[in-house]
Amino acid sequence: MATSRFHSAWFERAFDGTAALDLDATGAATVKLAILTSSATLNADTSNTYSGVSANEVSGTNYTSAGYTLSGLTAGLDGSNNWAFDANDLSEIAQSGSGFSNGRSLIVYETGGGYILYSHTADADFGNVAGPLNIGFDAAGILGVTI
């Protein structure tokens, strides 16, 4: 079964005053999406930074090392006690016979401290060898919390 989760170190830092992170387009935060292999062990309480999992990042033609910078960042309340963080869908990763076929997890992380905000692990490997890879986010956002 696919698994999606918040990562606790980022979540704690966001609310305990340890580090301010402005996740919308007016802030200085740079947020990236990276793709990891099935060798990555993602635990919401112990896999806290990009550097801690980067050895398991995919590589191949048309993939950008350290991931893709997300654009159109938004964060805030929707007026119904729901907080959401969202970004534009990722542009297509073009097909290549020299691409990667061993992607299993996606991580969304901020580059300031490298903290992972969110991870998603799929049921099976994916890539861009057999065809282009499209990554779209849920219409309700990447992350959401009901307050």
Protein backbone atom coordinates (compact mmCIF):
# COMPACT_ATOMS: atom_id res chain seq x y z
CA MET A 1 0.00 0.00 0.00
CA ALA A 2 1.33 3.45 -0.89
CA THR A 3 2.33 5.53 2.12
CA SER A 4 2.33 9.33 2.50
CA ARG A 5 3.50 11.12 5.63
CA PHE A 6 4.60 14.36 7.26
CA HIS A 7 8.13 14.21 8.66
CA SER A 8 8.31 15.05 12.34
CA ALA A 9 11.53 17.08 12.56
CA TRP A 10 10.25 19.63 10.04
CA PHE A 11 6.81 19.66 11.61
CA GLU A 12 8.26 20.24 15.09
CA ARG A 13 10.62 22.97 13.86
CA ALA A 14 7.76 24.70 12.08
CA PHE A 15 5.80 25.06 15.31
CA ASP A 16 8.33 25.25 18.16
CA GLY A 17 10.10 28.41 16.98
CA THR A 18 13.36 26.58 16.17
CA ALA A 19 13.25 27.71 12.55
CA ALA A 20 10.94 29.98 10.65
CA LEU A 21 10.06 28.65 7.23
CA ASP A 22 7.91 30.72 4.93
CA LEU A 23 6.33 28.22 2.53
CA ASP A 24 4.48 30.57 0.23
CA ALA A 25 5.58 32.49 -2.82
CA THR A 26 6.43 35.60 -0.76
CA GLY A 27 8.94 33.74 1.40
CA ALA A 28 12.56 32.93 0.84
CA ALA A 29 12.14 29.16 1.13
CA THR A 30 13.24 26.96 -1.75
CA VAL A 31 11.34 23.68 -1.78
CA LYS A 32 12.37 20.73 -3.93
CA LEU A 33 11.03 17.33 -4.93
CA ALA A 34 13.53 14.47 -5.21
CA ILE A 35 12.99 10.86 -6.27
CA LEU A 36 14.52 7.99 -4.29
CA THR A 37 15.00 4.28 -4.99
CA SER A 38 13.46 1.44 -3.01
CA SER A 39 16.75 1.24 -1.06
CA ALA A 40 15.74 4.41 0.80
CA THR A 41 14.33 3.72 4.24
CA LEU A 42 11.95 6.57 5.00
CA ASN A 43 10.78 6.92 8.58
CA ALA A 44 8.84 10.04 9.53
CA ASP A 45 10.67 10.26 12.86
CA THR A 46 14.24 9.43 11.82
CA SER A 47 14.59 10.25 8.09
CA ASN A 48 14.67 13.97 8.59
CA THR A 49 16.99 15.50 6.01
CA TYR A 50 17.72 15.25 2.31
CA SER A 51 21.40 14.59 3.06
CA GLY A 52 20.38 11.58 5.15
CA VAL A 53 18.68 9.88 2.19
CA SER A 54 20.42 11.40 -0.85
CA ALA A 55 22.65 8.33 -1.35
CA ASN A 56 19.45 6.57 -2.49
CA GLU A 57 18.46 9.16 -5.08
CA VAL A 58 17.77 7.95 -8.63
CA SER A 59 19.99 9.00 -11.49
CA GLY A 60 19.53 8.95 -15.23
CA THR A 61 18.99 11.09 -18.29
CA ASN A 62 16.45 13.90 -17.79
CA TYR A 63 16.55 13.60 -13.97
CA THR A 64 18.05 16.52 -12.05
CA SER A 65 20.32 15.55 -9.15
CA ALA A 66 19.01 16.93 -5.81
CA GLY A 67 15.56 17.15 -7.36
CA TYR A 68 13.38 19.78 -8.94
CA THR A 69 12.60 23.21 -7.50
CA LEU A 70 8.86 23.53 -6.94
CA SER A 71 7.15 26.72 -8.10
CA GLY A 72 3.87 28.41 -7.28
CA LEU A 73 4.22 27.75 -3.56
CA THR A 74 1.17 28.55 -1.45
CA ALA A 75 0.51 28.00 2.24
CA GLY A 76 -2.32 29.14 4.44
CA LEU A 77 -5.78 28.66 5.85
CA ASP A 78 -8.78 28.13 3.60
CA GLY A 79 -11.39 29.70 5.91
CA SER A 80 -12.73 26.29 7.01
CA ASN A 81 -10.09 25.41 9.62
CA ASN A 82 -7.87 23.71 7.07
CA TRP A 83 -4.23 24.63 6.51
CA ALA A 84 -2.66 23.53 3.24
CA PHE A 85 0.67 23.74 1.47
CA ASP A 86 0.68 23.35 -2.30
CA ALA A 87 2.79 23.94 -5.40
CA ASN A 88 2.40 23.71 -9.14
CA ASP A 89 2.50 20.20 -10.60
CA LEU A 90 5.96 19.16 -11.71
CA SER A 91 6.77 19.53 -15.39
CA GLU A 92 6.98 16.28 -17.32
CA ILE A 93 10.24 14.35 -16.96
CA ALA A 94 10.91 13.39 -20.55
CA GLN A 95 11.28 9.78 -21.62
CA SER A 96 14.78 8.43 -22.13
CA GLY A 97 16.16 4.94 -22.64
CA SER A 98 18.99 6.10 -20.35
CA GLY A 99 16.60 7.42 -17.72
CA PHE A 100 15.69 5.70 -14.48
CA SER A 101 13.22 2.92 -13.76
CA ASN A 102 13.92 2.41 -10.06
CA GLY A 103 12.09 5.34 -8.47
CA ARG A 104 10.00 4.28 -5.47
CA SER A 105 9.60 7.34 -3.23
CA LEU A 106 9.17 11.08 -3.59
CA ILE A 107 10.36 13.52 -0.95
CA VAL A 108 9.52 17.20 -0.67
CA TYR A 109 12.19 19.09 1.24
CA GLU A 110 13.32 22.64 1.93
CA THR A 111 16.87 23.51 0.97
CA GLY A 112 17.71 25.83 3.89
CA GLY A 113 18.28 22.98 6.34
CA GLY A 114 17.46 20.14 4.00
CA TYR A 115 14.51 19.11 6.18
CA ILE A 116 12.05 16.69 4.58
CA LEU A 117 8.51 18.03 4.83
CA TYR A 118 6.71 15.12 3.23
CA SER A 119 7.36 11.75 1.63
CA HIS A 120 5.32 9.41 -0.52
CA THR A 121 6.31 5.80 -1.17
CA ALA A 122 4.63 4.04 -4.10
CA ASP A 123 3.61 0.38 -4.32
CA ALA A 124 5.93 -0.27 -7.26
CA ASP A 125 8.95 1.27 -8.99
CA PHE A 126 8.43 4.04 -11.53
CA GLY A 127 10.58 6.04 -13.92
CA ASN A 128 11.01 7.66 -17.31
CA VAL A 129 12.48 4.80 -19.38
CA ALA A 130 9.22 3.40 -20.81
CA GLY A 131 7.57 6.82 -21.17
CA PRO A 132 7.52 10.35 -19.78
CA LEU A 133 6.93 10.73 -16.04
CA ASN A 134 4.30 13.17 -14.82
CA ILE A 135 4.00 14.10 -11.14
CA GLY A 136 0.82 15.91 -10.12
CA PHE A 137 -0.24 16.97 -6.66
CA ASP A 138 -3.68 16.52 -5.13
CA ALA A 139 -6.04 19.46 -5.76
CA ALA A 140 -6.32 19.89 -1.96
CA GLY A 141 -2.55 20.41 -1.67
CA ILE A 142 0.67 18.53 -0.94
CA LEU A 143 0.28 18.82 2.83
CA GLY A 144 -2.83 19.54 4.83
CA VAL A 145 -3.86 19.86 8.44
CA THR A 146 -7.34 20.34 9.87
CA ILE A 147 -7.14 22.75 12.78
